[in-house]
Amino acid sequence: MISARHDAGVDTLVLESDDRVGIRPHGFAGRACWKLISPFRDVVFGGMAANITGAAERES
């Protein structure tokens, strides 16, 4: 679950989450694939975080 709140006295939105994801690639091919796609993962998950933050700010 993700929750959003404003810190008192600070113009900053704080997102809190208690969800966790763990990935354990198997074998050499799995680890190699995981490393090769890491730049794309960073872009995708960075975009997701920005979209979540934007949606939370619009709702508050």
Foldseek 3Di string as FASTA:
>chain_A
DKDWDDDPPDPDIDIDDPDDDDDDFDDPVRVVVCVVCVVVVCVVVVVVVVVVVVVNVVVD
